[in-house]
Amino acid sequence: MSTAEILQQVLGPFAECLTADAARKIVALRADPETQARIDALAEKANDGTLTDEERADYEKFRATFHVVTILQSRARKLLSQQPKS
């Protein structure tokens, strides 16, 4: 089983706890400018092949964290798409 499949399975029940308001807030989540700048800098260094071991560890942690956020946002979007239109 892949990490993505495990995350989907574990986080699946999370969506059942969401209200429409909470789902909208999750969909709107974005990294703050300072964090986004750090991620962008690490991504550029990763593409250039110049990450230090410490930077690589940080970058992998950011990627893993944002993978979870992306799954939660996907679940939230699905919930919102199933809401009756008002």
N, C-alpha and C. Protein backbone atom coordinates (compact mmCIF):
# COMPACT_ATOMS: atom_id res chain seq x y z
N MET A 1 0.85 -1.17 0.00
CA MET A 1 0.00 0.00 0.00
C MET A 1 0.90 1.24 0.00
N SER A 2 0.58 2.20 -0.85
CA SER A 2 1.39 3.42 -0.91
C SER A 2 1.06 4.36 0.25
N THR A 3 1.95 5.29 0.49
CA THR A 3 1.72 6.30 1.53
C THR A 3 0.44 7.07 1.23
N ALA A 4 0.24 7.43 -0.04
CA ALA A 4 -0.96 8.17 -0.43
C ALA A 4 -2.22 7.37 -0.12
N GLU A 5 -2.19 6.07 -0.41
CA GLU A 5 -3.36 5.23 -0.13
C GLU A 5 -3.62 5.13 1.37
N ILE A 6 -2.56 5.01 2.15
CA ILE A 6 -2.71 4.95 3.60
C ILE A 6 -3.29 6.25 4.13
N LEU A 7 -2.75 7.37 3.65
CA LEU A 7 -3.28 8.67 4.08
C LEU A 7 -4.75 8.83 3.71
N GLN A 8 -5.11 8.43 2.51
CA GLN A 8 -6.50 8.52 2.09
C GLN A 8 -7.38 7.68 3.02
N GLN A 9 -6.92 6.50 3.35
CA GLN A 9 -7.70 5.61 4.21
C GLN A 9 -7.82 6.16 5.63
N VAL A 10 -6.73 6.66 6.17
CA VAL A 10 -6.72 7.17 7.54
C VAL A 10 -7.50 8.49 7.64
N LEU A 11 -7.34 9.35 6.64
CA LEU A 11 -7.98 10.66 6.69
C LEU A 11 -9.41 10.66 6.17
N GLY A 12 -9.83 9.57 5.56
CA GLY A 12 -11.19 9.49 5.03
C GLY A 12 -12.26 9.84 6.05
N PRO A 13 -12.24 9.27 7.22
CA PRO A 13 -13.27 9.59 8.21
C PRO A 13 -13.25 11.05 8.66
N PHE A 14 -12.14 11.73 8.48
CA PHE A 14 -12.04 13.13 8.85
C PHE A 14 -13.12 13.95 8.15
N ALA A 15 -13.34 13.69 6.88
CA ALA A 15 -14.32 14.45 6.11
C ALA A 15 -15.72 14.32 6.68
N GLU A 16 -16.01 13.22 7.31
CA GLU A 16 -17.34 13.01 7.88
C GLU A 16 -17.60 13.95 9.05
N CYS A 17 -16.55 14.54 9.60
CA CYS A 17 -16.68 15.44 10.74
C CYS A 17 -16.78 16.90 10.32
N LEU A 18 -16.63 17.18 9.04
CA LEU A 18 -16.58 18.55 8.58
C LEU A 18 -17.95 19.17 8.38
N THR A 19 -18.06 20.42 8.78
CA THR A 19 -19.21 21.22 8.40
C THR A 19 -18.85 21.91 7.09
N ALA A 20 -19.83 22.47 6.42
CA ALA A 20 -19.56 23.18 5.18
C ALA A 20 -18.63 24.37 5.44
N ASP A 21 -18.82 25.07 6.55
CA ASP A 21 -17.97 26.21 6.87
C ASP A 21 -16.53 25.77 7.09
N ALA A 22 -16.33 24.69 7.83
CA ALA A 22 -14.98 24.18 8.06
C ALA A 22 -14.35 23.72 6.75
N ALA A 23 -15.13 23.09 5.90
CA ALA A 23 -14.62 22.62 4.61
C ALA A 23 -14.15 23.80 3.76
N ARG A 24 -14.92 24.89 3.75
CA ARG A 24 -14.51 26.08 2.99
C ARG A 24 -13.18 26.64 3.53
N LYS A 25 -13.02 26.63 4.84
CA LYS A 25 -11.77 27.13 5.44
C LYS A 25 -10.60 26.23 5.08
N ILE A 26 -10.80 24.94 5.06
CA ILE A 26 -9.73 24.00 4.70
C ILE A 26 -9.34 24.19 3.24
N VAL A 27 -10.33 24.35 2.36
CA VAL A 27 -10.05 24.57 0.94
C VAL A 27 -9.23 25.83 0.74
N ALA A 28 -9.47 26.83 1.55
CA ALA A 28 -8.78 28.12 1.40
C ALA A 28 -7.40 28.16 2.05
N LEU A 29 -7.00 27.11 2.76
CA LEU A 29 -5.70 27.11 3.44
C LEU A 29 -4.55 27.32 2.46
N ARG A 30 -3.66 28.22 2.83
CA ARG A 30 -2.45 28.48 2.06
C ARG A 30 -1.32 28.72 3.05
N ALA A 31 -0.10 28.44 2.61
CA ALA A 31 1.07 28.72 3.44
C ALA A 31 1.22 30.23 3.56
N ASP A 32 1.70 30.68 4.71
CA ASP A 32 1.97 32.11 4.87
C ASP A 32 3.14 32.48 3.96
N PRO A 33 3.29 33.76 3.63
CA PRO A 33 4.33 34.16 2.68
C PRO A 33 5.76 33.74 3.06
N GLU A 34 6.08 33.81 4.33
CA GLU A 34 7.43 33.41 4.77
C GLU A 34 7.66 31.92 4.53
N THR A 35 6.68 31.10 4.90
CA THR A 35 6.80 29.66 4.69
C THR A 35 6.86 29.34 3.21
N GLN A 36 6.02 29.99 2.40
CA GLN A 36 6.01 29.74 0.96
C GLN A 36 7.35 30.11 0.34
N ALA A 37 7.94 31.21 0.79
CA ALA A 37 9.25 31.62 0.28
C ALA A 37 10.31 30.58 0.62
N ARG A 38 10.25 30.03 1.82
CA ARG A 38 11.20 28.98 2.22
C ARG A 38 11.03 27.73 1.36
N ILE A 39 9.79 27.34 1.14
CA ILE A 39 9.52 26.16 0.31
C ILE A 39 10.02 26.40 -1.12
N ASP A 40 9.74 27.58 -1.65
CA ASP A 40 10.18 27.90 -3.01
C ASP A 40 11.70 27.85 -3.13
N ALA A 41 12.39 28.39 -2.11
CA ALA A 41 13.86 28.38 -2.13
C ALA A 41 14.39 26.94 -2.06
N LEU A 42 13.77 26.13 -1.21
CA LEU A 42 14.19 24.73 -1.11
C LEU A 42 13.90 23.97 -2.40
N ALA A 43 12.76 24.25 -3.02
CA ALA A 43 12.40 23.58 -4.27
C ALA A 43 13.40 23.93 -5.37
N GLU A 44 13.78 25.20 -5.41
CA GLU A 44 14.76 25.63 -6.42
C GLU A 44 16.10 24.92 -6.20
N LYS A 45 16.53 24.85 -4.96
CA LYS A 45 17.78 24.16 -4.67
C LYS A 45 17.67 22.67 -4.96
N ALA A 46 16.49 22.10 -4.70
CA ALA A 46 16.29 20.68 -5.00
C ALA A 46 16.40 20.45 -6.51
N ASN A 47 15.80 21.33 -7.29
CA ASN A 47 15.88 21.21 -8.75
C ASN A 47 17.30 21.38 -9.26
N ASP A 48 18.07 22.22 -8.57
CA ASP A 48 19.47 22.45 -8.94
C ASP A 48 20.40 21.36 -8.40
N GLY A 49 19.88 20.54 -7.49
CA GLY A 49 20.71 19.49 -6.89
C GLY A 49 21.69 20.02 -5.86
N THR A 50 21.33 21.13 -5.20
CA THR A 50 22.28 21.77 -4.27
C THR A 50 21.78 21.79 -2.83
N LEU A 51 20.80 20.98 -2.49
CA LEU A 51 20.31 20.93 -1.12
C LEU A 51 21.35 20.30 -0.19
N THR A 52 21.50 20.86 0.99
CA THR A 52 22.30 20.20 2.02
C THR A 52 21.44 19.08 2.62
N ASP A 53 22.02 18.23 3.42
CA ASP A 53 21.25 17.17 4.05
C ASP A 53 20.15 17.74 4.94
N GLU A 54 20.48 18.81 5.67
CA GLU A 54 19.49 19.44 6.55
C GLU A 54 18.35 20.07 5.73
N GLU A 55 18.70 20.72 4.64
CA GLU A 55 17.68 21.32 3.78
C GLU A 55 16.80 20.26 3.14
N ARG A 56 17.41 19.15 2.74
CA ARG A 56 16.64 18.05 2.13
C ARG A 56 15.64 17.51 3.14
N ALA A 57 16.06 17.35 4.39
CA ALA A 57 15.15 16.86 5.43
C ALA A 57 14.00 17.83 5.64
N ASP A 58 14.30 19.13 5.69
CA ASP A 58 13.24 20.14 5.83
C ASP A 58 12.28 20.08 4.63
N TYR A 59 12.84 20.02 3.44
CA TYR A 59 12.02 20.00 2.22
C TYR A 59 11.09 18.80 2.22
N GLU A 60 11.62 17.65 2.60
CA GLU A 60 10.78 16.44 2.64
C GLU A 60 9.67 16.57 3.67
N LYS A 61 9.95 17.21 4.79
CA LYS A 61 8.91 17.44 5.81
C LYS A 61 7.83 18.36 5.29
N PHE A 62 8.24 19.43 4.61
CA PHE A 62 7.25 20.33 4.00
C PHE A 62 6.40 19.58 2.98
N ARG A 63 7.05 18.80 2.13
CA ARG A 63 6.31 18.06 1.09
C ARG A 63 5.31 17.09 1.72
N ALA A 64 5.72 16.39 2.75
CA ALA A 64 4.83 15.43 3.42
C ALA A 64 3.65 16.16 4.07
N THR A 65 3.94 17.27 4.70
CA THR A 65 2.88 18.05 5.36
C THR A 65 1.88 18.56 4.34
N PHE A 66 2.37 19.12 3.25
CA PHE A 66 1.46 19.66 2.24
C PHE A 66 0.72 18.56 1.50
N HIS A 67 1.29 17.37 1.47
CA HIS A 67 0.55 16.23 0.88
C HIS A 67 -0.69 15.94 1.73
N VAL A 68 -0.54 15.97 3.03
CA VAL A 68 -1.68 15.75 3.93
C VAL A 68 -2.71 16.86 3.74
N VAL A 69 -2.25 18.10 3.68
CA VAL A 69 -3.16 19.23 3.49
C VAL A 69 -3.92 19.07 2.17
N THR A 70 -3.23 18.66 1.12
CA THR A 70 -3.86 18.47 -0.18
C THR A 70 -4.96 17.41 -0.11
N ILE A 71 -4.71 16.33 0.59
CA ILE A 71 -5.73 15.29 0.74
C ILE A 71 -6.93 15.84 1.51
N LEU A 72 -6.68 16.57 2.59
CA LEU A 72 -7.78 17.16 3.36
C LEU A 72 -8.57 18.15 2.50
N GLN A 73 -7.87 18.93 1.70
CA GLN A 73 -8.57 19.87 0.83
C GLN A 73 -9.40 19.14 -0.22
N SER A 74 -8.90 18.05 -0.71
CA SER A 74 -9.67 17.26 -1.68
C SER A 74 -10.95 16.73 -1.05
N ARG A 75 -10.82 16.23 0.17
CA ARG A 75 -12.01 15.74 0.89
C ARG A 75 -13.00 16.87 1.15
N ALA A 76 -12.48 18.04 1.51
CA ALA A 76 -13.33 19.19 1.78
C ALA A 76 -14.05 19.64 0.50
N ARG A 77 -13.34 19.67 -0.61
CA ARG A 77 -13.97 20.04 -1.89
C ARG A 77 -15.07 19.06 -2.26
N LYS A 78 -14.81 17.78 -2.03
CA LYS A 78 -15.82 16.77 -2.34
C LYS A 78 -17.07 17.00 -1.50
N LEU A 79 -16.88 17.25 -0.21
CA LEU A 79 -18.02 17.52 0.67
C LEU A 79 -18.80 18.74 0.17
N LEU A 80 -18.09 19.80 -0.20
CA LEU A 80 -18.75 21.01 -0.67
C LEU A 80 -19.49 20.79 -1.98
N SER A 81 -18.95 19.94 -2.83
CA SER A 81 -19.61 19.68 -4.11
C SER A 81 -20.91 18.89 -3.93
N GLN A 82 -21.03 18.23 -2.80
CA GLN A 82 -22.23 17.43 -2.53
C GLN A 82 -23.29 18.22 -1.76
N GLN A 83 -22.95 19.45 -1.38
CA GLN A 83 -23.90 20.29 -0.65
C GLN A 83 -24.97 20.80 -1.61
N PRO A 84 -26.21 20.90 -1.13
CA PRO A 84 -27.25 21.47 -1.99
C PRO A 84 -26.91 22.93 -2.32
N LYS A 85 -27.19 23.31 -3.56
CA LYS A 85 -26.95 24.70 -3.98
C LYS A 85 -28.01 25.59 -3.35
N SER A 86 -27.57 26.77 -2.86
CA SER A 86 -28.55 27.69 -2.27
C SER A 86 -28.69 28.93 -3.10
